[in-house]
Amino acid sequence: MATYVTDGQGVAAGRGWDWIASGWELFKKQAGMWIALVLVAFVIFFVLAMIPVVGSLATFVLSPVFAAGVLAGSRAVDEGRGLEIGHLFAGFREKLAPLATVGAIYLGAAVVIALGVGLATGASIFTMMDTAGEAATPAAAHGRCQEEPAQMPILIVLAFILVLDAIVIAGPAGERQAHEEPATPAAA
């Protein structure tokens, strides 16, 4: 179980680059297997996308489950064990319910964000997302955007979703970090 640090954890700003560099080192150790793992995940999410409505909902709910598998694979490589395609499915074997719950909360928050932005800006989610085949070229997309100015609501939704993604991703990663580094109060 992770230790909760009330004021967060403070680390030097340079640690960000260290994390990227160490991630690259993990990738280089088994680049071919990482690529295969990503391709398998891509195929799974592509197939889910083909299933109307249910596939989209399942993608939201299952994303944290697959992300946990990627983290399990990262840990295995970091500890000198080999990466396997099976790591992608580790979230199904361990902590499926909490991970799927995070995905369901993520789905709910995304819907609330889209509806909230739609209500605040007066833009319908259908207006924001519907192209009806008219935006096949950049010129057509530009003309459509002038007719139905939906760029700002889309950007607002994307900004909120980016924050939501950071929260969802940082949760499991922060739990792992809490086990490995001594807690220090965050700088004010």
Foldseek 3Di string as FASTA:
>chain_A
DFDDDPQFFADDPVVVVVVVVVVVVLCVVCVPQVVVLVVVVVVQLVVLVVDPPRSVLCCLLCVQLQVQLVVQQSVCSVVVHHRDSCSSRVSVVPVVPVSSVLSNVLVVVLVCLLVVLCVVVVNDPCLLPPPVPQPPDVVSVVVSCVVPVNVVSVVSSVVVNVVSVCVSNCPVVVRVVSVPDPGDRHDD
